[in-house]
Amino acid sequence: MDYLIEETQPAAVLGGTGVLVNVPRPGRFALHKLIVATRRGTSGIPKAPKDRAQASALLRVLLTELPSEITLAWKALLRHGKAWTSAARGSIERLDPQLASDLRDLGVGR
């Protein structure tokens, strides 16, 4: 969780009068979902593909709109050690081959 909350951004929760909250940066959230997918126990097997699908959807948007967000998130992830980067790399390899290739072109997952 530290990785997620090291850098946040403001967002509004809609409904009623609305509430201003802090949420994780989208690149960090996507990479965190990839790591979580590798950490699911046998009871979480159905959740791992969902985690990767959610990360994939967000990463595709970020690749088009804000690729630097992914690069910054990857650089921050590298500072969290080998276990985290290995988990993220393993999950990236399980993504759609074109998406994985696009991420590697950014320097993510190498």
PDB file of N, CA and C in Angstrom:
ATOM      1  N   MET A   1       0.812  -1.198   0.000  1.00  0.00           N
ATOM      2  CA  MET A   1       0.000   0.000   0.000  1.00  0.00           C
ATOM      3  C   MET A   1       0.857   1.264   0.000  1.00  0.00           C
ATOM      4  N   ASP A   2       2.058   1.197   0.571  1.00  0.00           N
ATOM      5  CA  ASP A   2       2.907   2.384   0.593  1.00  0.00           C
ATOM      6  C   ASP A   2       3.150   2.910  -0.811  1.00  0.00           C
ATOM      7  N   TYR A   3       3.390   1.999  -1.745  1.00  0.00           N
ATOM      8  CA  TYR A   3       3.631   2.398  -3.134  1.00  0.00           C
ATOM      9  C   TYR A   3       2.459   3.201  -3.685  1.00  0.00           C
ATOM     10  N   LEU A   4       1.257   2.798  -3.348  1.00  0.00           N
ATOM     11  CA  LEU A   4       0.067   3.487  -3.848  1.00  0.00           C
ATOM     12  C   LEU A   4      -0.105   4.882  -3.259  1.00  0.00           C
ATOM     13  N   ILE A   5       0.196   5.032  -1.987  1.00  0.00           N
ATOM     14  CA  ILE A   5      -0.102   6.313  -1.339  1.00  0.00           C
ATOM     15  C   ILE A   5       1.103   7.249  -1.255  1.00  0.00           C
ATOM     16  N   GLU A   6       2.250   6.835  -1.765  1.00  0.00           N
ATOM     17  CA  GLU A   6       3.401   7.738  -1.789  1.00  0.00           C
ATOM     18  C   GLU A   6       3.101   8.976  -2.631  1.00  0.00           C
ATOM     19  N   GLU A   7       2.376   8.776  -3.703  1.00  0.00           N
ATOM     20  CA  GLU A   7       1.971   9.885  -4.561  1.00  0.00           C
ATOM     21  C   GLU A   7       0.490   9.724  -4.873  1.00  0.00           C
ATOM     22  N   THR A   8      -0.256  10.734  -4.521  1.00  0.00           N
ATOM     23  CA  THR A   8      -1.691  10.708  -4.778  1.00  0.00           C
ATOM     24  C   THR A   8      -2.079  11.953  -5.575  1.00  0.00           C
ATOM     25  N   GLN A   9      -3.321  11.964  -5.990  1.00  0.00           N
ATOM     26  CA  GLN A   9      -3.855  13.138  -6.669  1.00  0.00           C
ATOM     27  C   GLN A   9      -5.284  13.339  -6.205  1.00  0.00           C
ATOM     28  N   PRO A  10      -5.757  14.579  -6.237  1.00  0.00           N
ATOM     29  CA  PRO A  10      -7.131  14.827  -5.802  1.00  0.00           C
ATOM     30  C   PRO A  10      -8.141  14.332  -6.827  1.00  0.00           C
ATOM     31  N   ALA A  11      -9.285  13.905  -6.329  1.00  0.00           N
ATOM     32  CA  ALA A  11     -10.395  13.470  -7.182  1.00  0.00           C
ATOM     33  C   ALA A  11     -11.694  13.767  -6.429  1.00  0.00           C
ATOM     34  N   ALA A  12     -12.766  13.838  -7.172  1.00  0.00           N
ATOM     35  CA  ALA A  12     -14.071  14.090  -6.566  1.00  0.00           C
ATOM     36  C   ALA A  12     -14.894  12.813  -6.588  1.00  0.00           C
ATOM     37  N   VAL A  13     -15.530  12.519  -5.465  1.00  0.00           N
ATOM     38  CA  VAL A  13     -16.494  11.433  -5.396  1.00  0.00           C
ATOM     39  C   VAL A  13     -17.851  12.077  -5.607  1.00  0.00           C
ATOM     40  N   LEU A  14     -18.515  11.665  -6.661  1.00  0.00           N
ATOM     41  CA  LEU A  14     -19.797  12.275  -7.005  1.00  0.00           C
ATOM     42  C   LEU A  14     -20.921  11.635  -6.224  1.00  0.00           C
ATOM     43  N   GLY A  15     -21.934  12.420  -5.950  1.00  0.00           N
ATOM     44  CA  GLY A  15     -23.090  11.945  -5.197  1.00  0.00           C
ATOM     45  C   GLY A  15     -23.356  12.899  -4.062  1.00  0.00           C
ATOM     46  N   GLY A  16     -24.595  13.242  -3.874  1.00  0.00           N
ATOM     47  CA  GLY A  16     -24.925  14.211  -2.832  1.00  0.00           C
ATOM     48  C   GLY A  16     -24.217  15.522  -3.112  1.00  0.00           C
ATOM     49  N   THR A  17     -23.514  16.019  -2.129  1.00  0.00           N
ATOM     50  CA  THR A  17     -22.774  17.269  -2.303  1.00  0.00           C
ATOM     51  C   THR A  17     -21.378  17.036  -2.859  1.00  0.00           C
ATOM     52  N   GLY A  18     -20.962  15.783  -3.000  1.00  0.00           N
ATOM     53  CA  GLY A  18     -19.627  15.468  -3.487  1.00  0.00           C
ATOM     54  C   GLY A  18     -18.594  15.584  -2.380  1.00  0.00           C
ATOM     55  N   VAL A  19     -17.530  14.858  -2.549  1.00  0.00           N
ATOM     56  CA  VAL A  19     -16.457  14.854  -1.561  1.00  0.00           C
ATOM     57  C   VAL A  19     -15.132  14.847  -2.304  1.00  0.00           C
ATOM     58  N   LEU A  20     -14.196  15.656  -1.850  1.00  0.00           N
ATOM     59  CA  LEU A  20     -12.859  15.657  -2.423  1.00  0.00           C
ATOM     60  C   LEU A  20     -12.022  14.618  -1.686  1.00  0.00           C
ATOM     61  N   VAL A  21     -11.386  13.726  -2.427  1.00  0.00           N
ATOM     62  CA  VAL A  21     -10.555  12.662  -1.845  1.00  0.00           C
ATOM     63  C   VAL A  21      -9.212  12.620  -2.568  1.00  0.00           C
ATOM     64  N   ASN A  22      -8.266  11.951  -1.978  1.00  0.00           N
ATOM     65  CA  ASN A  22      -6.990  11.677  -2.629  1.00  0.00           C
ATOM     66  C   ASN A  22      -6.998  10.241  -3.106  1.00  0.00           C
ATOM     67  N   VAL A  23      -6.572  10.025  -4.340  1.00  0.00           N
ATOM     68  CA  VAL A  23      -6.521   8.685  -4.918  1.00  0.00           C
ATOM     69  C   VAL A  23      -5.112   8.429  -5.443  1.00  0.00           C
ATOM     70  N   PRO A  24      -4.733   7.164  -5.596  1.00  0.00           N
ATOM     71  CA  PRO A  24      -3.404   6.865  -6.143  1.00  0.00           C
ATOM     72  C   PRO A  24      -3.277   7.391  -7.573  1.00  0.00           C
ATOM     73  N   ARG A  25      -2.041   7.693  -7.969  1.00  0.00           N
ATOM     74  CA  ARG A  25      -1.773   8.059  -9.360  1.00  0.00           C
ATOM     75  C   ARG A  25      -2.150   6.857 -10.225  1.00  0.00           C
ATOM     76  N   PRO A  26      -2.727   7.068 -11.402  1.00  0.00           N
ATOM     77  CA  PRO A  26      -3.229   5.957 -12.211  1.00  0.00           C
ATOM     78  C   PRO A  26      -2.153   4.963 -12.653  1.00  0.00           C
ATOM     79  N   GLY A  27      -0.962   5.428 -12.944  1.00  0.00           N
ATOM     80  CA  GLY A  27       0.111   4.502 -13.328  1.00  0.00           C
ATOM     81  C   GLY A  27       0.481   3.585 -12.181  1.00  0.00           C
ATOM     82  N   ARG A  28       0.577   4.130 -11.002  1.00  0.00           N
ATOM     83  CA  ARG A  28       0.889   3.324  -9.817  1.00  0.00           C
ATOM     84  C   ARG A  28      -0.230   2.314  -9.548  1.00  0.00           C
ATOM     85  N   PHE A  29      -1.475   2.772  -9.702  1.00  0.00           N
ATOM     86  CA  PHE A  29      -2.601   1.864  -9.468  1.00  0.00           C
ATOM     87  C   PHE A  29      -2.548   0.681 -10.437  1.00  0.00           C
ATOM     88  N   ALA A  30      -2.276   0.957 -11.711  1.00  0.00           N
ATOM     89  CA  ALA A  30      -2.226  -0.110 -12.711  1.00  0.00           C
ATOM     90  C   ALA A  30      -1.111  -1.105 -12.409  1.00  0.00           C
ATOM     91  N   LEU A  31       0.073  -0.606 -12.095  1.00  0.00           N
ATOM     92  CA  LEU A  31       1.185  -1.524 -11.793  1.00  0.00           C
ATOM     93  C   LEU A  31       0.925  -2.298 -10.507  1.00  0.00           C
ATOM     94  N   HIS A  32       0.305  -1.650  -9.536  1.00  0.00           N
ATOM     95  CA  HIS A  32      -0.041  -2.342  -8.294  1.00  0.00           C
ATOM     96  C   HIS A  32      -1.017  -3.488  -8.564  1.00  0.00           C
ATOM     97  N   LYS A  33      -1.988  -3.262  -9.455  1.00  0.00           N
ATOM     98  CA  LYS A  33      -2.928  -4.327  -9.814  1.00  0.00           C
ATOM     99  C   LYS A  33      -2.191  -5.516 -10.425  1.00  0.00           C
ATOM    100  N   LEU A  34      -1.154  -5.242 -11.225  1.00  0.00           N
ATOM    101  CA  LEU A  34      -0.370  -6.334 -11.814  1.00  0.00           C
ATOM    102  C   LEU A  34       0.347  -7.135 -10.730  1.00  0.00           C
ATOM    103  N   ILE A  35       0.867  -6.452  -9.737  1.00  0.00           N
ATOM    104  CA  ILE A  35       1.554  -7.141  -8.640  1.00  0.00           C
ATOM    105  C   ILE A  35       0.561  -7.953  -7.818  1.00  0.00           C
ATOM    106  N   VAL A  36      -0.574  -7.353  -7.498  1.00  0.00           N
ATOM    107  CA  VAL A  36      -1.603  -8.043  -6.714  1.00  0.00           C
ATOM    108  C   VAL A  36      -2.040  -9.320  -7.428  1.00  0.00           C
ATOM    109  N   ALA A  37      -2.121  -9.271  -8.745  1.00  0.00           N
ATOM    110  CA  ALA A  37      -2.535 -10.456  -9.510  1.00  0.00           C
ATOM    111  C   ALA A  37      -1.596 -11.630  -9.277  1.00  0.00           C
ATOM    112  N   THR A  38      -0.323 -11.353  -9.051  1.00  0.00           N
ATOM    113  CA  THR A  38       0.639 -12.441  -8.826  1.00  0.00           C
ATOM    114  C   THR A  38       0.605 -12.952  -7.395  1.00  0.00           C
ATOM    115  N   ARG A  39       0.009 -12.191  -6.503  1.00  0.00           N
ATOM    116  CA  ARG A  39       0.010 -12.536  -5.081  1.00  0.00           C
ATOM    117  C   ARG A  39      -1.269 -13.250  -4.634  1.00  0.00           C
ATOM    118  N   ARG A  40      -2.202 -13.426  -5.536  1.00  0.00           N
ATOM    119  CA  ARG A  40      -3.453 -14.082  -5.165  1.00  0.00           C
ATOM    120  C   ARG A  40      -3.182 -15.544  -4.836  1.00  0.00           C
ATOM    121  N   GLY A  41      -3.706 -15.999  -3.717  1.00  0.00           N
ATOM    122  CA  GLY A  41      -3.593 -17.417  -3.362  1.00  0.00           C
ATOM    123  C   GLY A  41      -4.557 -18.231  -4.218  1.00  0.00           C
ATOM    124  N   THR A  42      -4.640 -19.507  -3.940  1.00  0.00           N
ATOM    125  CA  THR A  42      -5.521 -20.366  -4.732  1.00  0.00           C
ATOM    126  C   THR A  42      -6.980 -19.945  -4.608  1.00  0.00           C
ATOM    127  N   SER A  43      -7.345 -19.355  -3.477  1.00  0.00           N
ATOM    128  CA  SER A  43      -8.728 -18.888  -3.337  1.00  0.00           C
ATOM    129  C   SER A  43      -8.973 -17.638  -4.180  1.00  0.00           C
ATOM    130  N   GLY A  44      -7.904 -16.955  -4.575  1.00  0.00           N
ATOM    131  CA  GLY A  44      -8.047 -15.740  -5.366  1.00  0.00           C
ATOM    132  C   GLY A  44      -7.812 -15.929  -6.846  1.00  0.00           C
ATOM    133  N   ILE A  45      -7.718 -17.197  -7.291  1.00  0.00           N
ATOM    134  CA  ILE A  45      -7.426 -17.456  -8.701  1.00  0.00           C
ATOM    135  C   ILE A  45      -8.396 -16.735  -9.635  1.00  0.00           C
ATOM    136  N   PRO A  46      -9.704 -16.756  -9.376  1.00  0.00           N
ATOM    137  CA  PRO A  46     -10.604 -16.036 -10.293  1.00  0.00           C
ATOM    138  C   PRO A  46     -10.353 -14.522 -10.299  1.00  0.00           C
ATOM    139  N   LYS A  47      -9.761 -13.993  -9.224  1.00  0.00           N
ATOM    140  CA  LYS A  47      -9.538 -12.557  -9.141  1.00  0.00           C
ATOM    141  C   LYS A  47      -8.297 -12.111  -9.911  1.00  0.00           C
ATOM    142  N   ALA A  48      -7.311 -12.975 -10.066  1.00  0.00           N
ATOM    143  CA  ALA A  48      -6.073 -12.594 -10.751  1.00  0.00           C
ATOM    144  C   ALA A  48      -6.320 -12.145 -12.197  1.00  0.00           C
ATOM    145  N   PRO A  49      -7.088 -12.882 -12.994  1.00  0.00           N
ATOM    146  CA  PRO A  49      -7.363 -12.394 -14.356  1.00  0.00           C
ATOM    147  C   PRO A  49      -8.121 -11.061 -14.352  1.00  0.00           C
ATOM    148  N   LYS A  50      -8.991 -10.876 -13.373  1.00  0.00           N
ATOM    149  CA  LYS A  50      -9.731  -9.613 -13.277  1.00  0.00           C
ATOM    150  C   LYS A  50      -8.758  -8.470 -12.956  1.00  0.00           C
ATOM    151  N   ASP A  51      -7.812  -8.712 -12.049  1.00  0.00           N
ATOM    152  CA  ASP A  51      -6.806  -7.698 -11.727  1.00  0.00           C
ATOM    153  C   ASP A  51      -6.009  -7.314 -12.974  1.00  0.00           C
ATOM    154  N   ARG A  52      -5.584  -8.319 -13.734  1.00  0.00           N
ATOM    155  CA  ARG A  52      -4.809  -8.039 -14.955  1.00  0.00           C
ATOM    156  C   ARG A  52      -5.665  -7.326 -16.004  1.00  0.00           C
ATOM    157  N   ALA A  53      -6.937  -7.692 -16.097  1.00  0.00           N
ATOM    158  CA  ALA A  53      -7.837  -7.025 -17.057  1.00  0.00           C
ATOM    159  C   ALA A  53      -8.031  -5.563 -16.687  1.00  0.00           C
ATOM    160  N   GLN A  54      -8.199  -5.277 -15.400  1.00  0.00           N
ATOM    161  CA  GLN A  54      -8.354  -3.890 -14.964  1.00  0.00           C
ATOM    162  C   GLN A  54      -7.076  -3.103 -15.231  1.00  0.00           C
ATOM    163  N   ALA A  55      -5.939  -3.695 -14.917  1.00  0.00           N
ATOM    164  CA  ALA A  55      -4.662  -3.030 -15.175  1.00  0.00           C
ATOM    165  C   ALA A  55      -4.478  -2.794 -16.668  1.00  0.00           C
ATOM    166  N   SER A  56      -4.819  -3.775 -17.481  1.00  0.00           N
ATOM    167  CA  SER A  56      -4.691  -3.649 -18.939  1.00  0.00           C
ATOM    168  C   SER A  56      -5.514  -2.493 -19.478  1.00  0.00           C
ATOM    169  N   ALA A  57      -6.750  -2.395 -19.038  1.00  0.00           N
ATOM    170  CA  ALA A  57      -7.626  -1.323 -19.516  1.00  0.00           C
ATOM    171  C   ALA A  57      -7.043   0.046 -19.174  1.00  0.00           C
ATOM    172  N   LEU A  58      -6.585   0.183 -17.955  1.00  0.00           N
ATOM    173  CA  LEU A  58      -6.005   1.457 -17.527  1.00  0.00           C
ATOM    174  C   LEU A  58      -4.692   1.744 -18.253  1.00  0.00           C
ATOM    175  N   LEU A  59      -3.857   0.722 -18.411  1.00  0.00           N
ATOM    176  CA  LEU A  59      -2.582   0.913 -19.094  1.00  0.00           C
ATOM    177  C   LEU A  59      -2.776   1.308 -20.558  1.00  0.00           C
ATOM    178  N   ARG A  60      -3.774   0.740 -21.205  1.00  0.00           N
ATOM    179  CA  ARG A  60      -4.045   1.105 -22.611  1.00  0.00           C
ATOM    180  C   ARG A  60      -4.413   2.589 -22.733  1.00  0.00           C
ATOM    181  N   VAL A  61      -5.243   3.059 -21.823  1.00  0.00           N
ATOM    182  CA  VAL A  61      -5.624   4.477 -21.841  1.00  0.00           C
ATOM    183  C   VAL A  61      -4.397   5.342 -21.557  1.00  0.00           C
ATOM    184  N   LEU A  62      -3.631   4.959 -20.563  1.00  0.00           N
ATOM    185  CA  LEU A  62      -2.449   5.745 -20.213  1.00  0.00           C
ATOM    186  C   LEU A  62      -1.416   5.754 -21.337  1.00  0.00           C
ATOM    187  N   LEU A  63      -1.258   4.641 -22.035  1.00  0.00           N
ATOM    188  CA  LEU A  63      -0.323   4.607 -23.165  1.00  0.00           C
ATOM    189  C   LEU A  63      -0.707   5.634 -24.224  1.00  0.00           C
ATOM    190  N   THR A  64      -1.995   5.820 -24.421  1.00  0.00           N
ATOM    191  CA  THR A  64      -2.480   6.769 -25.419  1.00  0.00           C
ATOM    192  C   THR A  64      -2.446   8.202 -24.908  1.00  0.00           C
ATOM    193  N   GLU A  65      -2.886   8.391 -23.672  1.00  0.00           N
ATOM    194  CA  GLU A  65      -3.095   9.745 -23.147  1.00  0.00           C
ATOM    195  C   GLU A  65      -1.948  10.290 -22.298  1.00  0.00           C
ATOM    196  N   LEU A  66      -1.345   9.446 -21.465  1.00  0.00           N
ATOM    197  CA  LEU A  66      -0.316   9.901 -20.514  1.00  0.00           C
ATOM    198  C   LEU A  66       0.782   8.844 -20.333  1.00  0.00           C
ATOM    199  N   PRO A  67       1.530   8.524 -21.373  1.00  0.00           N
ATOM    200  CA  PRO A  67       2.551   7.480 -21.227  1.00  0.00           C
ATOM    201  C   PRO A  67       3.586   7.785 -20.143  1.00  0.00           C
ATOM    202  N   SER A  68       3.843   9.057 -19.901  1.00  0.00           N
ATOM    203  CA  SER A  68       4.816   9.410 -18.860  1.00  0.00           C
ATOM    204  C   SER A  68       4.347   8.969 -17.477  1.00  0.00           C
ATOM    205  N   GLU A  69       3.047   8.854 -17.286  1.00  0.00           N
ATOM    206  CA  GLU A  69       2.486   8.386 -16.012  1.00  0.00           C
ATOM    207  C   GLU A  69       2.941   6.950 -15.730  1.00  0.00           C
ATOM    208  N   ILE A  70       2.992   6.139 -16.770  1.00  0.00           N
ATOM    209  CA  ILE A  70       3.437   4.747 -16.619  1.00  0.00           C
ATOM    210  C   ILE A  70       4.930   4.712 -16.336  1.00  0.00           C
ATOM    211  N   THR A  71       5.688   5.517 -17.064  1.00  0.00           N
ATOM    212  CA  THR A  71       7.144   5.557 -16.875  1.00  0.00           C
ATOM    213  C   THR A  71       7.496   5.978 -15.457  1.00  0.00           C
ATOM    214  N   LEU A  72       6.851   7.016 -14.969  1.00  0.00           N
ATOM    215  CA  LEU A  72       7.112   7.478 -13.595  1.00  0.00           C
ATOM    216  C   LEU A  72       6.733   6.413 -12.573  1.00  0.00           C
ATOM    217  N   ALA A  73       5.622   5.740 -12.795  1.00  0.00           N
ATOM    218  CA  ALA A  73       5.181   4.691 -11.872  1.00  0.00           C
ATOM    219  C   ALA A  73       6.180   3.534 -11.863  1.00  0.00           C
ATOM    220  N   TRP A  74       6.722   3.186 -13.046  1.00  0.00           N
ATOM    221  CA  TRP A  74       7.700   2.099 -13.132  1.00  0.00           C
ATOM    222  C   TRP A  74       8.986   2.478 -12.392  1.00  0.00           C
ATOM    223  N   LYS A  75       9.450   3.702 -12.583  1.00  0.00           N
ATOM    224  CA  LYS A  75      10.670   4.149 -11.899  1.00  0.00           C
ATOM    225  C   LYS A  75      10.482   4.101 -10.385  1.00  0.00           C
ATOM    226  N   ALA A  76       9.313   4.489  -9.914  1.00  0.00           N
ATOM    227  CA  ALA A  76       9.026   4.418  -8.480  1.00  0.00           C
ATOM    228  C   ALA A  76       8.975   2.974  -8.005  1.00  0.00           C
ATOM    229  N   LEU A  77       8.420   2.101  -8.825  1.00  0.00           N
ATOM    230  CA  LEU A  77       8.328   0.682  -8.473  1.00  0.00           C
ATOM    231  C   LEU A  77       9.720   0.060  -8.339  1.00  0.00           C
ATOM    232  N   LEU A  78      10.626   0.451  -9.204  1.00  0.00           N
ATOM    233  CA  LEU A  78      11.985  -0.086  -9.149  1.00  0.00           C
ATOM    234  C   LEU A  78      12.645   0.184  -7.796  1.00  0.00           C
ATOM    235  N   ARG A  79      12.295   1.272  -7.166  1.00  0.00           N
ATOM    236  CA  ARG A  79      12.869   1.614  -5.849  1.00  0.00           C
ATOM    237  C   ARG A  79      12.323   0.726  -4.733  1.00  0.00           C
ATOM    238  N   HIS A  80      11.290  -0.062  -5.024  1.00  0.00           N
ATOM    239  CA  HIS A  80      10.687  -0.918  -3.998  1.00  0.00           C
ATOM    240  C   HIS A  80      11.271  -2.326  -3.979  1.00  0.00           C
ATOM    241  N   GLY A  81      12.237  -2.582  -4.799  1.00  0.00           N
ATOM    242  CA  GLY A  81      12.962  -3.839  -4.692  1.00  0.00           C
ATOM    243  C   GLY A  81      12.650  -4.873  -5.751  1.00  0.00           C
ATOM    244  N   LYS A  82      13.483  -5.893  -5.698  1.00  0.00           N
ATOM    245  CA  LYS A  82      13.465  -6.957  -6.700  1.00  0.00           C
ATOM    246  C   LYS A  82      12.168  -7.771  -6.702  1.00  0.00           C
ATOM    247  N   ALA A  83      11.628  -8.049  -5.536  1.00  0.00           N
ATOM    248  CA  ALA A  83      10.407  -8.867  -5.471  1.00  0.00           C
ATOM    249  C   ALA A  83       9.253  -8.181  -6.195  1.00  0.00           C
ATOM    250  N   TRP A  84       9.121  -6.896  -5.980  1.00  0.00           N
ATOM    251  CA  TRP A  84       8.037  -6.167  -6.631  1.00  0.00           C
ATOM    252  C   TRP A  84       8.246  -6.093  -8.135  1.00  0.00           C
ATOM    253  N   THR A  85       9.468  -5.777  -8.547  1.00  0.00           N
ATOM    254  CA  THR A  85       9.708  -5.661  -9.989  1.00  0.00           C
ATOM    255  C   THR A  85       9.567  -7.013 -10.673  1.00  0.00           C
ATOM    256  N   SER A  86       9.993  -8.079 -10.022  1.00  0.00           N
ATOM    257  CA  SER A  86       9.836  -9.420 -10.598  1.00  0.00           C
ATOM    258  C   SER A  86       8.366  -9.779 -10.749  1.00  0.00           C
ATOM    259  N   ALA A  87       7.579  -9.455  -9.733  1.00  0.00           N
ATOM    260  CA  ALA A  87       6.140  -9.736  -9.800  1.00  0.00           C
ATOM    261  C   ALA A  87       5.492  -8.947 -10.936  1.00  0.00           C
ATOM    262  N   ALA A  88       5.836  -7.678 -11.054  1.00  0.00           N
ATOM    263  CA  ALA A  88       5.266  -6.850 -12.123  1.00  0.00           C
ATOM    264  C   ALA A  88       5.686  -7.371 -13.491  1.00  0.00           C
ATOM    265  N   ARG A  89       6.955  -7.719 -13.639  1.00  0.00           N
ATOM    266  CA  ARG A  89       7.440  -8.258 -14.919  1.00  0.00           C
ATOM    267  C   ARG A  89       6.699  -9.537 -15.288  1.00  0.00           C
ATOM    268  N   GLY A  90       6.525 -10.415 -14.319  1.00  0.00           N
ATOM    269  CA  GLY A  90       5.818 -11.668 -14.576  1.00  0.00           C
ATOM    270  C   GLY A  90       4.384 -11.429 -15.018  1.00  0.00           C
ATOM    271  N   SER A  91       3.745 -10.463 -14.409  1.00  0.00           N
ATOM    272  CA  SER A  91       2.368 -10.157 -14.777  1.00  0.00           C
ATOM    273  C   SER A  91       2.299  -9.487 -16.147  1.00  0.00           C
ATOM    274  N   ILE A  92       3.263  -8.633 -16.454  1.00  0.00           N
ATOM    275  CA  ILE A  92       3.308  -7.990 -17.774  1.00  0.00           C
ATOM    276  C   ILE A  92       3.412  -9.046 -18.866  1.00  0.00           C
ATOM    277  N   GLU A  93       4.184 -10.092 -18.611  1.00  0.00           N
ATOM    278  CA  GLU A  93       4.337 -11.167 -19.603  1.00  0.00           C
ATOM    279  C   GLU A  93       3.036 -11.926 -19.841  1.00  0.00           C
ATOM    280  N   ARG A  94       2.091 -11.810 -18.930  1.00  0.00           N
ATOM    281  CA  ARG A  94       0.800 -12.503 -19.078  1.00  0.00           C
ATOM    282  C   ARG A  94      -0.261 -11.620 -19.730  1.00  0.00           C
ATOM    283  N   LEU A  95       0.111 -10.383 -20.048  1.00  0.00           N
ATOM    284  CA  LEU A  95      -0.821  -9.470 -20.717  1.00  0.00           C
ATOM    285  C   LEU A  95      -0.877  -9.764 -22.203  1.00  0.00           C
ATOM    286  N   ASP A  96      -1.795  -9.104 -22.889  1.00  0.00           N
ATOM    287  CA  ASP A  96      -1.859  -9.159 -24.343  1.00  0.00           C
ATOM    288  C   ASP A  96      -0.460  -8.850 -24.895  1.00  0.00           C
ATOM    289  N   PRO A  97       0.044  -9.653 -25.831  1.00  0.00           N
ATOM    290  CA  PRO A  97       1.410  -9.449 -26.336  1.00  0.00           C
ATOM    291  C   PRO A  97       1.672  -8.040 -26.867  1.00  0.00           C
ATOM    292  N   GLN A  98       0.695  -7.428 -27.539  1.00  0.00           N
ATOM    293  CA  GLN A  98       0.913  -6.068 -28.055  1.00  0.00           C
ATOM    294  C   GLN A  98       1.045  -5.066 -26.915  1.00  0.00           C
ATOM    295  N   LEU A  99       0.217  -5.204 -25.888  1.00  0.00           N
ATOM    296  CA  LEU A  99       0.297  -4.306 -24.741  1.00  0.00           C
ATOM    297  C   LEU A  99       1.630  -4.481 -24.032  1.00  0.00           C
ATOM    298  N   ALA A 100       2.038  -5.728 -23.823  1.00  0.00           N
ATOM    299  CA  ALA A 100       3.329  -5.989 -23.183  1.00  0.00           C
ATOM    300  C   ALA A 100       4.463  -5.374 -23.992  1.00  0.00           C
ATOM    301  N   SER A 101       4.405  -5.496 -25.301  1.00  0.00           N
ATOM    302  CA  SER A 101       5.424  -4.915 -26.177  1.00  0.00           C
ATOM    303  C   SER A 101       5.432  -3.389 -26.072  1.00  0.00           C
ATOM    304  N   ASP A 102       4.259  -2.785 -26.063  1.00  0.00           N
ATOM    305  CA  ASP A 102       4.165  -1.332 -25.936  1.00  0.00           C
ATOM    306  C   ASP A 102       4.753  -0.856 -24.601  1.00  0.00           C
ATOM    307  N   LEU A 103       4.514  -1.618 -23.544  1.00  0.00           N
ATOM    308  CA  LEU A 103       5.075  -1.263 -22.239  1.00  0.00           C
ATOM    309  C   LEU A 103       6.591  -1.380 -22.251  1.00  0.00           C
ATOM    310  N   ARG A 104       7.106  -2.450 -22.848  1.00  0.00           N
ATOM    311  CA  ARG A 104       8.560  -2.623 -22.928  1.00  0.00           C
ATOM    312  C   ARG A 104       9.191  -1.501 -23.755  1.00  0.00           C
ATOM    313  N   ASP A 105       8.487  -1.050 -24.802  1.00  0.00           N
ATOM    314  CA  ASP A 105       8.989   0.072 -25.599  1.00  0.00           C
ATOM    315  C   ASP A 105       9.156   1.332 -24.758  1.00  0.00           C
ATOM    316  N   LEU A 106       8.338   1.465 -23.719  1.00  0.00           N
ATOM    317  CA  LEU A 106       8.464   2.595 -22.779  1.00  0.00           C
ATOM    318  C   LEU A 106       9.560   2.379 -21.750  1.00  0.00           C
ATOM    319  N   GLY A 107      10.099   1.158 -21.708  1.00  0.00           N
ATOM    320  CA  GLY A 107      11.095   0.826 -20.694  1.00  0.00           C
ATOM    321  C   GLY A 107      10.496   0.164 -19.481  1.00  0.00           C
ATOM    322  N   VAL A 108       9.214  -0.170 -19.541  1.00  0.00           N
ATOM    323  CA  VAL A 108       8.513  -0.790 -18.423  1.00  0.00           C
ATOM    324  C   VAL A 108       8.572  -2.304 -18.574  1.00  0.00           C
ATOM    325  N   GLY A 109       8.997  -2.963 -17.519  1.00  0.00           N
ATOM    326  CA  GLY A 109       9.063  -4.416 -17.531  1.00  0.00           C
ATOM    327  C   GLY A 109      10.389  -4.975 -17.979  1.00  0.00           C
ATOM    328  N   ARG A 110      11.321  -4.114 -18.259  1.00  0.00           N
ATOM    329  CA  ARG A 110      12.658  -4.594 -18.674  1.00  0.00           C
ATOM    330  C   ARG A 110      13.492  -4.934 -17.490  1.00  0.00           C
TER     331      ARG A 110
END
